[in-house]
Protein backbone atom coordinates (compact mmCIF):
# COMPACT_ATOMS: atom_id res chain seq x y z
CA ASP A 1 192.24 57.35 54.62
CA ARG A 2 189.59 57.60 51.64
CA ILE A 3 190.63 57.65 48.03
CA GLU A 4 188.94 61.11 46.41
CA GLU A 5 186.71 60.14 44.02
CA ALA A 6 184.93 62.08 41.16
CA ASP A 7 182.30 61.62 38.06
CA VAL A 8 183.11 62.98 34.69
CA ASP A 9 181.24 62.88 31.40
CA VAL A 10 182.12 63.10 27.96
CA GLN A 11 180.24 63.16 24.65
CA THR A 12 180.98 63.24 21.37
CA ASP A 13 179.52 65.80 18.66
CA ALA A 14 176.61 64.36 16.79
CA PHE A 15 177.63 63.02 13.00
CA LEU A 16 176.13 65.50 10.10
CA ASP A 17 174.18 63.36 7.54
CA ARG A 18 176.42 63.09 4.13
CA PRO A 19 175.19 65.04 0.94
CA PRO A 20 173.84 63.28 -1.33
CA SER A 21 176.54 62.16 -4.21
CA PRO A 22 175.41 64.13 -7.54
CA LEU A 23 174.43 62.76 -10.28
CA PHE A 24 176.68 60.96 -12.47
CA ILE A 25 176.80 62.94 -16.18
CA PRO A 26 179.41 60.82 -17.93
CA GLN A 27 181.71 63.05 -20.14
CA SER A 28 180.53 63.27 -23.47
CA THR A 29 182.33 62.07 -26.37
CA GLY A 30 180.23 63.53 -29.73
CA LYS A 31 179.42 66.87 -31.37
CA ASP A 32 176.18 68.80 -29.92
CA ILE A 33 174.58 70.01 -32.97
CA SER A 34 171.43 71.89 -32.27
CA THR A 35 168.26 72.20 -34.91
CA GLN A 36 165.65 74.90 -35.12
CA ILE A 37 162.30 73.58 -36.02
CA GLU A 38 159.65 76.69 -36.65
CA ALA A 39 155.75 76.43 -35.70
CA GLY A 40 153.63 74.39 -38.67
CA ASP A 41 157.22 73.03 -39.96
CA LEU A 42 156.63 68.84 -38.62
CA PHE A 43 152.65 68.72 -38.02
CA ASP A 44 149.54 70.93 -38.13
CA PHE A 45 147.74 69.71 -34.65
CA ASP A 46 143.89 70.51 -35.94
CA ILE A 47 144.68 68.74 -39.14
CA GLU A 48 147.11 65.89 -37.76
CA VAL A 49 144.63 65.54 -34.23
CA LYS A 50 141.30 65.23 -36.35
CA PRO A 51 141.81 61.69 -36.74
CA ILE A 52 143.04 61.14 -33.26
CA VAL A 53 139.96 62.85 -32.00
CA GLU A 54 137.78 60.54 -33.80
CA THR A 55 139.44 57.52 -33.25
CA LEU A 56 139.18 58.43 -29.64
CA VAL A 57 135.67 59.60 -29.23
CA GLY A 58 134.48 56.29 -31.52
CA LYS A 59 136.16 53.75 -29.38
CA THR A 60 135.16 56.32 -25.69
CA VAL A 61 131.01 56.14 -27.66
CA GLU A 62 131.67 52.03 -28.73
CA GLN A 63 132.99 51.56 -24.99
CA ALA A 64 129.97 53.70 -23.59
CA LEU A 65 127.53 51.66 -25.74
CA ILE A 66 128.94 48.70 -24.42
CA GLU A 67 128.56 49.90 -20.92
CA VAL A 68 125.14 50.91 -22.05
CA ALA A 69 124.56 47.55 -23.43
CA GLU A 70 126.15 45.50 -20.37
CA GLU A 71 124.23 47.57 -17.72
CA GLU A 72 121.05 47.28 -19.82
CA GLU A 73 122.31 43.48 -19.64
CA LEU A 74 122.83 43.51 -16.29
CA ALA A 75 119.51 45.14 -15.21
CA GLU A 76 117.64 42.54 -16.96
CA ILE A 77 119.83 39.80 -15.01
CA ARG A 78 119.03 41.42 -12.21
CA GLU A 79 114.58 42.02 -12.79
CA GLN A 80 115.33 38.25 -14.23
CA GLN A 81 116.63 37.29 -10.67
CA ARG A 82 114.36 39.28 -8.42
CA GLU A 83 111.77 37.34 -10.63
CA TYR A 84 113.19 33.65 -9.35
CA GLU A 85 114.11 34.90 -6.29
CA GLU A 86 110.38 35.73 -5.79
CA ILE A 87 109.57 32.52 -7.39
CA ARG A 88 111.51 30.57 -5.61
CA ASN A 89 110.50 32.74 -2.36
CA ALA A 90 107.07 31.29 -3.06
CA GLU A 91 107.95 28.13 -3.60
CA LEU A 92 109.47 27.58 -0.95
CA ILE A 93 106.96 29.09 1.75
CA GLU A 94 104.96 26.54 -0.33
CA LEU A 95 107.21 24.10 0.92
CA GLN A 96 107.48 25.01 4.19
CA ARG A 97 103.40 25.52 3.98
CA LEU A 98 103.36 21.68 3.09
CA GLU A 99 105.78 20.62 5.62
CA GLU A 100 104.04 22.43 8.44
CA GLN A 101 100.99 20.33 7.29
CA GLU A 102 102.75 17.45 6.82
CA ARG A 103 104.30 17.76 10.18
CA ARG A 104 100.59 18.52 11.62
CA LEU A 105 99.12 15.92 9.36
CA ARG A 106 102.02 13.21 10.89
CA ALA A 107 101.54 14.66 14.57
CA GLU A 108 97.99 14.34 14.50
CA LYS A 109 98.17 10.93 12.83
CA ASP A 110 100.73 10.16 15.97
CA ARG A 111 98.85 11.28 18.22
CA ARG A 112 95.59 9.28 16.78
CA MET A 113 97.67 6.21 16.97
CA LYS A 114 98.66 6.78 20.53
CA GLN A 115 94.73 6.87 21.48
CA ALA A 116 93.87 4.17 19.57
CA GLN A 117 97.18 2.13 21.56
CA GLU A 118 95.66 3.76 24.84
CA ALA A 119 92.21 2.62 23.83
CA LEU A 120 93.39 -1.00 22.83
CA ARG A 121 95.80 -1.56 25.73
CA SER A 122 93.20 -0.41 27.88
CA GLU A 123 90.68 -2.69 26.81
CA GLN A 124 92.76 -5.40 26.45
CA ASP A 125 93.91 -4.54 30.35
CA VAL A 126 89.82 -4.62 30.92
CA ALA A 127 89.51 -7.52 29.01
CA GLN A 128 92.33 -9.57 31.06
CA LYS A 129 91.16 -7.80 34.25
CA ILE A 130 87.50 -9.55 33.43
CA ALA A 131 89.24 -13.19 32.62
CA ALA A 132 91.47 -13.19 35.25
CA ARG A 133 88.34 -12.57 37.18
CA ALA A 134 86.30 -14.35 35.65
CA PHE A 135 89.13 -17.44 35.77
CA ALA A 136 89.57 -16.93 39.58
CA LYS A 137 86.11 -17.05 40.81
CA ALA A 138 85.69 -20.18 38.40
CA TYR A 139 88.76 -21.91 39.92
CA LEU A 140 87.66 -20.48 43.95
CA GLN A 141 84.19 -21.74 42.44
CA ASP A 142 85.09 -25.59 42.25
CA LEU A 143 88.40 -25.38 44.12
CA VAL A 144 87.34 -26.67 47.46
CA PRO A 145 84.58 -29.45 45.88
CA SER A 146 87.94 -30.17 43.65
CA VAL A 147 90.31 -30.42 46.75
CA PHE A 148 87.75 -33.07 48.25
CA ASN A 149 87.73 -35.32 44.75
CA ASN A 150 91.58 -34.99 44.85
CA LEU A 151 91.55 -36.12 48.96
CA ARG A 152 89.21 -39.13 48.56
CA GLU A 153 90.61 -40.57 45.00
CA ASN A 154 93.64 -40.34 47.07
CA GLY A 155 92.07 -42.41 49.68
CA TYR A 156 92.01 -39.48 52.45
CA PHE A 157 88.51 -40.33 52.70
CA TYR A 158 86.96 -43.93 52.27
CA ASP A 159 83.72 -45.82 52.89
CA PRO A 160 85.20 -48.18 55.82
CA VAL A 161 83.06 -50.98 54.91
CA GLU A 162 84.28 -50.79 50.98
CA HIS A 163 87.87 -50.61 52.39
CA GLU A 164 87.74 -53.63 54.28
CA ILE A 165 85.68 -55.71 51.98
CA GLU A 166 89.29 -54.50 49.92
CA THR A 167 91.62 -54.93 52.37
CA SER A 168 90.40 -58.05 54.23
CA PHE A 169 87.92 -59.98 52.60
CA MET A 170 89.31 -59.65 48.85
CA PRO A 171 92.71 -61.15 49.40
CA TRP A 172 90.96 -64.01 51.55
CA LEU A 173 88.67 -64.85 48.76
CA ILE A 174 91.01 -64.51 45.85
CA ASP A 175 92.99 -67.26 48.12
CA ARG A 176 90.54 -69.47 48.91
CA THR A 177 89.53 -69.44 44.98
CA MET A 178 92.83 -69.50 44.16
CA THR A 179 93.11 -72.62 46.55
CA GLN A 180 90.08 -74.47 45.19
CA VAL A 181 90.76 -73.69 41.78
CA ASN A 182 94.27 -75.67 42.51
CA GLN A 183 92.84 -78.83 44.09
CA LEU A 184 90.38 -79.47 40.88
CA VAL A 185 93.40 -79.12 38.91
CA LEU A 186 95.19 -81.46 40.97
CA GLY A 187 92.38 -83.78 40.98
CA ARG A 188 91.86 -83.23 37.55
CA THR A 189 94.97 -84.16 36.90
CA ILE A 190 95.71 -86.86 38.99
CA LEU A 191 92.60 -88.28 37.78
CA ASP A 192 93.69 -88.03 34.30
CA SER A 193 97.16 -89.73 34.83
CA ILE A 194 94.64 -92.77 36.48
CA ILE A 195 92.30 -93.20 33.29
CA ARG A 196 95.85 -92.96 31.25
CA ASP A 197 97.66 -96.03 33.06
CA VAL A 198 94.46 -98.00 33.35
CA VAL A 199 93.39 -97.65 29.34
CA ASN A 200 97.02 -98.19 28.53
CA GLN A 201 97.23 -101.00 30.05
CA ARG A 202 93.85 -102.98 28.97
CA VAL A 203 95.24 -101.81 25.86
CA ASP A 204 97.81 -103.84 26.56
CA ASN A 205 96.26 -106.82 27.79
CA TYR A 206 93.71 -107.15 24.34
CA GLU A 207 97.07 -106.56 22.49
CA LYS A 208 98.63 -109.55 24.16
CA LEU A 209 94.92 -111.59 24.00
CA ALA A 210 95.11 -110.68 20.83
CA GLU A 211 98.20 -112.30 19.74
CA ALA A 212 97.99 -115.42 21.86
CA LEU A 213 95.38 -115.59 19.99
CA LYS A 214 96.74 -115.06 16.33
CA GLN A 215 99.45 -117.86 17.55
CA ALA A 216 96.95 -120.35 18.86
CA VAL A 217 95.22 -119.92 15.27
CA GLU A 218 98.15 -120.28 13.48
CA GLY A 219 99.07 -123.17 15.25
CA GLY A 220 95.93 -125.17 14.38
CA VAL A 221 96.82 -124.80 10.54
CA ASP A 222 99.76 -125.83 10.77
CA MET A 223 98.86 -129.29 12.28
CA GLY A 224 96.51 -130.21 9.15
CA THR A 225 97.62 -132.94 6.59
CA SER A 226 100.02 -132.28 3.92
CA THR A 227 97.46 -132.65 0.79
CA GLY A 228 96.26 -129.76 2.47
CA ASP A 229 92.97 -131.64 3.42
CA VAL A 230 91.45 -130.14 6.56
CA PRO A 231 89.29 -132.49 8.94
CA HIS A 232 85.27 -130.80 9.12
CA ASP A 233 85.72 -130.59 12.84
CA LEU A 234 89.35 -128.88 12.35
CA GLU A 235 87.63 -126.62 10.51
CA GLN A 236 84.92 -125.91 13.01
CA ASN A 237 87.47 -125.09 15.92
CA ILE A 238 89.77 -123.33 13.69
CA GLU A 239 86.25 -121.11 13.01
CA GLN A 240 85.49 -121.20 16.55
CA PRO A 241 88.60 -119.33 17.21
CA GLU A 242 87.91 -116.93 14.91
CA SER A 243 84.88 -116.40 15.84
CA GLY A 244 86.01 -116.03 19.52
CA ASN A 245 88.62 -113.99 18.38
CA GLY A 246 86.46 -111.93 16.60
CA GLU A 247 84.39 -111.39 19.52
CA LEU A 248 87.34 -111.01 21.58
CA VAL A 249 88.43 -107.83 19.86
CA PHE A 250 84.98 -106.54 19.29
CA ASN A 251 84.68 -106.96 23.40
CA MET A 252 88.32 -105.32 23.17
CA GLU A 253 87.04 -102.38 21.45
CA ASN A 254 83.74 -102.23 23.61
CA ASN A 255 86.27 -102.03 26.97
CA ILE A 256 88.51 -99.49 25.23
CA ASN A 257 84.80 -97.27 24.43
CA ASP A 258 83.45 -97.68 27.88
CA GLY A 259 86.89 -97.06 29.26
CA VAL A 260 86.76 -93.38 27.37
CA GLU A 261 83.41 -93.07 27.64
CA THR A 262 84.12 -93.74 31.60
CA SER A 263 86.91 -91.26 31.60
CA ALA A 264 84.69 -88.87 30.24
CA LEU A 265 82.16 -89.10 32.37
CA LEU A 266 84.75 -88.72 35.27
CA ASN A 267 85.88 -85.47 33.57
CA ASP A 268 82.58 -84.19 33.19
CA GLU A 269 81.96 -85.16 37.06
CA ALA A 270 85.14 -83.25 38.15
CA VAL A 271 84.24 -80.00 36.53
CA ASP A 272 80.33 -80.23 37.30
CA GLU A 273 82.33 -80.22 41.28
CA ARG A 274 84.06 -77.63 40.19
CA GLU A 275 81.29 -75.69 39.35
CA GLU A 276 79.38 -76.68 41.76
CA GLU A 277 81.89 -75.05 44.58
CA GLN A 278 82.86 -72.73 42.50
CA THR A 279 79.19 -71.28 42.93
CA ASN A 280 79.16 -72.37 46.87
CA ALA A 281 82.07 -70.39 47.78
CA ASP A 282 80.94 -67.55 45.67
CA ASP A 283 77.39 -68.30 47.77
CA ASP A 284 78.97 -67.78 50.74
CA ALA A 285 81.41 -64.57 49.53
CA GLY A 286 77.54 -62.96 49.41
CA GLY A 287 76.56 -63.97 52.38
CA GLU A 288 79.62 -62.91 54.61
CA GLN A 289 79.08 -59.08 52.66
């Protein structure tokens, strides 16, 4: 049932390399001519080569001299460069030494500054501690007395007698004194009004009396004769009222002066009474204390 199978291999022959193409030579179109040159016909080597050799030797020597000069110059340049390098290295070494010295000095300076700052800080701390201790000691030393003084000033500690006087006696004394003063002022005001009314009434009476006397005198003058002659007894009557008028005016002035003096005396008596009452009140207050 199975179909027969078989494997068959085929291999082609290897290709041979292509041979190189022959050089192309074009076909000559001219005529070939040959010439025979004998030795010495064109030039003599010994003679012709001499200037060439001299030129070559001169150029070679010149080039050699140039190279030698260049080498010497390069040697001098290298020597100068070496000296410069030595000087620069010495300067660099000196610079490094100076930098190291500066660094050490700076480090020493920083260290000294830190030490000084630490010492100053320590001194400040010690001073602050001493000041705080002294302040605390002084504050605590005066604390208890100051507390008691503050309590006493605020009224927590007081004298009972003084407190009683300030709270009970002094207000009562001030009220009594004000009552007495008000009564004295009221009495003085009433007395002044009474005196003023009496004086005004007397002045009115005296003015009315003076007006009546003046009318009486004028009436007596009009009763004279037409010729203007006045009898002797009428002149006496006229003179008497005039003298009476003067006496009345003088009496009125005296009465007014008496009224003023009476008012002044009454005022003085009222002042004396007020001072006496004030003295009695002060004595009573001193006795109660």
